[in-house]
Structures are given as C-alpha cells and as structure tokens.
Amino acid sequence: MLGLSSKEIASRMSISPNTVKAFLRLVMFKMGVTSRSGVVGKILAHAVGEGPKVS
C-alpha cells in the first residue's frame, strides 16, 4: 500500500482526481466506513478472519 493521494492515483490512471474521489466515496459507503484508513482496516480484518465478509 503506497498511500497515494487522489491526485497521484488519478495521474497514474489517466483519470480525473474527482473520479477517484467519487469512487472512493462509493467504496467507503458500501463498506460502512468514513475514511481511507477505515477501508484498509476492514480489508485487513477480513484478511485475518476477524471481520464480516466484505462484499
């Protein structure tokens, strides 16, 4: 995990930073978290079997 900003992600993917932000908002909503670190925490918890299945 590189900890890239929305601008850096957008540059690497040749898309708008606003597209990155919108996608991240959708992911965070679906996962029930409010931050990027919350997304990472849920993924790690799932990977070690401590959390509910991420769908």
C-alpha atoms as a PDB file:
ATOM      1  CA  MET A   1       0.000   0.000   0.000  1.00  0.00           C
ATOM      2  CA  LEU A   2       1.543   3.168  -1.171  1.00  0.00           C
ATOM      3  CA  GLY A   3      -0.652   5.797   0.489  1.00  0.00           C
ATOM      4  CA  LEU A   4      -1.147   7.747  -2.721  1.00  0.00           C
ATOM      5  CA  SER A   5      -3.251  10.889  -2.863  1.00  0.00           C
ATOM      6  CA  SER A   6      -6.289  11.132  -5.121  1.00  0.00           C
ATOM      7  CA  LYS A   7      -4.258  13.331  -7.461  1.00  0.00           C
ATOM      8  CA  GLU A   8      -1.437  10.766  -7.667  1.00  0.00           C
ATOM      9  CA  ILE A   9      -3.880   7.895  -8.286  1.00  0.00           C
ATOM     10  CA  ALA A  10      -5.651   9.924 -10.981  1.00  0.00           C
ATOM     11  CA  SER A  11      -2.363  10.730 -12.700  1.00  0.00           C
ATOM     12  CA  ARG A  12      -1.320   7.069 -12.779  1.00  0.00           C
ATOM     13  CA  MET A  13      -4.724   6.021 -14.157  1.00  0.00           C
ATOM     14  CA  SER A  14      -5.151   8.987 -16.546  1.00  0.00           C
ATOM     15  CA  ILE A  15      -8.474   9.954 -14.969  1.00  0.00           C
ATOM     16  CA  SER A  16      -9.763  12.982 -13.081  1.00  0.00           C
ATOM     17  CA  PRO A  17      -8.994  13.333  -9.365  1.00  0.00           C
ATOM     18  CA  ASN A  18     -12.736  13.898  -8.903  1.00  0.00           C
ATOM     19  CA  THR A  19     -13.390  10.449 -10.421  1.00  0.00           C
ATOM     20  CA  VAL A  20     -11.028   8.912  -7.864  1.00  0.00           C
ATOM     21  CA  LYS A  21     -12.763  10.762  -5.024  1.00  0.00           C
ATOM     22  CA  ALA A  22     -16.220   9.691  -6.234  1.00  0.00           C
ATOM     23  CA  PHE A  23     -15.131   6.055  -6.486  1.00  0.00           C
ATOM     24  CA  LEU A  24     -13.594   6.143  -3.019  1.00  0.00           C
ATOM     25  CA  ARG A  25     -16.801   7.655  -1.578  1.00  0.00           C
ATOM     26  CA  LEU A  26     -18.824   4.815  -3.116  1.00  0.00           C
ATOM     27  CA  VAL A  27     -16.429   2.186  -1.756  1.00  0.00           C
ATOM     28  CA  MET A  28     -16.452   3.751   1.712  1.00  0.00           C
ATOM     29  CA  PHE A  29     -20.261   3.924   1.720  1.00  0.00           C
ATOM     30  CA  LYS A  30     -20.587   0.286   0.696  1.00  0.00           C
ATOM     31  CA  MET A  31     -18.073  -0.803   3.330  1.00  0.00           C
ATOM     32  CA  GLY A  32     -19.664   1.338   6.049  1.00  0.00           C
ATOM     33  CA  VAL A  33     -16.563   3.389   6.803  1.00  0.00           C
ATOM     34  CA  THR A  34     -15.772   7.100   6.634  1.00  0.00           C
ATOM     35  CA  SER A  35     -12.082   7.171   5.719  1.00  0.00           C
ATOM     36  CA  ARG A  36      -9.453   5.503   3.582  1.00  0.00           C
ATOM     37  CA  SER A  37      -7.891   4.068   6.709  1.00  0.00           C
ATOM     38  CA  GLY A  38     -11.264   2.532   7.551  1.00  0.00           C
ATOM     39  CA  VAL A  39     -11.254   0.767   4.174  1.00  0.00           C
ATOM     40  CA  VAL A  40      -7.778  -0.600   4.837  1.00  0.00           C
ATOM     41  CA  GLY A  41      -8.773  -1.673   8.353  1.00  0.00           C
ATOM     42  CA  LYS A  42     -11.782  -3.619   7.076  1.00  0.00           C
ATOM     43  CA  ILE A  43      -9.704  -5.285   4.363  1.00  0.00           C
ATOM     44  CA  LEU A  44      -7.025  -6.303   6.859  1.00  0.00           C
ATOM     45  CA  ALA A  45      -9.600  -7.548   9.365  1.00  0.00           C
ATOM     46  CA  HIS A  46     -11.204  -9.640   6.635  1.00  0.00           C
ATOM     47  CA  ALA A  47      -7.807 -10.981   5.537  1.00  0.00           C
ATOM     48  CA  VAL A  48      -7.088 -12.322   9.020  1.00  0.00           C
ATOM     49  CA  GLY A  49     -10.649 -13.527   9.552  1.00  0.00           C
ATOM     50  CA  GLU A  50     -11.684 -11.009  12.198  1.00  0.00           C
ATOM     51  CA  GLY A  51     -14.466  -9.224  10.402  1.00  0.00           C
ATOM     52  CA  PRO A  52     -17.608  -9.827   8.405  1.00  0.00           C
ATOM     53  CA  LYS A  53     -17.248 -10.697   4.755  1.00  0.00           C
ATOM     54  CA  VAL A  54     -16.624  -7.641   2.568  1.00  0.00           C
ATOM     55  CA  SER A  55     -18.951  -7.841  -0.411  1.00  0.00           C
END
